[in-house]
Amino acid sequence: DSGDLDVILRLAPLLAHEGEHFEAWALYRQACKTLLATGRHEACLAAFREANRVLPYEFEAWRLTSELERKLGRDREAFETLLGSSP
């Protein structure tokens, strides 16, 4: 439910900050799966972008962000996302 999503999306960046990158990325993936299933594409995109910021070496986050941007018809943003994926 949305309360769980709020907790997950608050906890993920805290875990990333503490060096728990695998766990943080797992939470972002979980949240985005739920957001996509409920049609909340913009919220999912925001979560992916936050994951890119706090987990800059997680290429899968960059790839999924770019993929979603493409699905939303934002080809230029998708391309720029992939260019930004090499910190």
Protein backbone atom coordinates (compact mmCIF):
# COMPACT_ATOMS: atom_id res chain seq x y z
CA ASP A 1 0.00 0.00 0.00
CA SER A 2 1.02 3.66 -0.22
CA GLY A 3 2.15 3.75 3.42
CA ASP A 4 4.59 0.96 2.76
CA LEU A 5 5.82 2.78 -0.35
CA ASP A 6 6.45 5.91 1.67
CA VAL A 7 8.51 3.96 4.19
CA ILE A 8 10.42 2.12 1.47
CA LEU A 9 11.20 5.31 -0.43
CA ARG A 10 12.43 7.00 2.77
CA LEU A 11 14.49 4.03 3.88
CA ALA A 12 16.23 3.32 0.55
CA PRO A 13 18.34 6.51 0.43
CA LEU A 14 19.22 6.13 4.12
CA LEU A 15 20.53 2.62 3.44
CA ALA A 16 22.49 3.89 0.45
CA HIS A 17 24.03 6.61 2.60
CA GLU A 18 25.06 3.97 5.15
CA GLY A 19 26.77 1.91 2.46
CA GLU A 20 24.05 -0.73 2.23
CA HIS A 21 23.85 -0.40 -1.54
CA PHE A 22 22.44 -3.83 -2.36
CA GLU A 23 19.62 -3.44 0.15
CA ALA A 24 18.88 0.11 -0.98
CA TRP A 25 18.66 -0.94 -4.63
CA ALA A 26 16.39 -3.85 -3.68
CA LEU A 27 14.01 -1.39 -2.00
CA TYR A 28 14.01 0.96 -4.99
CA ARG A 29 13.23 -1.98 -7.30
CA GLN A 30 10.42 -3.12 -5.01
CA ALA A 31 8.90 0.36 -4.87
CA CYS A 32 9.16 0.88 -8.62
CA LYS A 33 7.57 -2.47 -9.36
CA THR A 34 4.57 -1.45 -7.26
CA LEU A 35 4.45 2.04 -8.75
CA LEU A 36 4.51 0.70 -12.30
CA ALA A 37 1.84 -1.89 -11.52
CA THR A 38 -0.44 0.88 -10.31
CA GLY A 39 0.25 3.13 -13.30
CA ARG A 40 2.26 5.71 -11.36
CA HIS A 41 4.94 6.14 -14.01
CA GLU A 42 6.09 9.61 -12.93
CA ALA A 43 6.51 8.51 -9.31
CA CYS A 44 8.51 5.51 -10.49
CA LEU A 45 10.68 7.73 -12.66
CA ALA A 46 11.31 10.01 -9.67
CA ALA A 47 12.33 7.00 -7.55
CA PHE A 48 14.67 5.73 -10.27
CA ARG A 49 16.25 9.17 -10.59
CA GLU A 50 16.80 9.31 -6.85
CA ALA A 51 18.38 5.84 -7.03
CA ASN A 52 20.69 7.15 -9.77
CA ARG A 53 21.73 9.99 -7.49
CA VAL A 54 22.35 7.94 -4.34
CA LEU A 55 23.61 4.78 -6.08
CA PRO A 56 25.64 6.21 -8.96
CA TYR A 57 27.45 2.92 -9.69
CA GLU A 58 24.26 0.86 -9.98
CA PHE A 59 24.09 0.65 -13.78
CA GLU A 60 20.78 -1.24 -13.65
CA ALA A 61 19.17 1.84 -12.09
CA TRP A 62 20.39 3.98 -14.97
CA ARG A 63 19.27 1.43 -17.54
CA LEU A 64 15.79 1.09 -16.07
CA THR A 65 15.44 4.87 -15.82
CA SER A 66 16.34 5.20 -19.48
CA GLU A 67 14.00 2.38 -20.45
CA LEU A 68 11.08 4.02 -18.65
CA GLU A 69 11.85 7.39 -20.21
CA ARG A 70 11.76 5.73 -23.64
CA LYS A 71 8.42 4.09 -22.85
CA LEU A 72 7.10 7.52 -21.90
CA GLY A 73 8.27 8.91 -25.25
CA ARG A 74 11.20 10.85 -23.83
CA ASP A 75 13.93 9.59 -26.12
CA ARG A 76 16.26 12.54 -25.57
CA GLU A 77 16.05 12.22 -21.79
CA ALA A 78 16.65 8.47 -22.11
CA PHE A 79 19.79 9.08 -24.12
CA GLU A 80 21.04 11.72 -21.69
CA THR A 81 20.35 9.37 -18.77
CA LEU A 82 22.58 6.72 -20.31
CA LEU A 83 25.30 9.30 -20.96
CA GLY A 84 25.13 10.28 -17.30
CA SER A 85 25.44 6.68 -16.15
CA SER A 86 29.22 6.74 -16.04
CA PRO A 87 30.11 8.80 -12.95
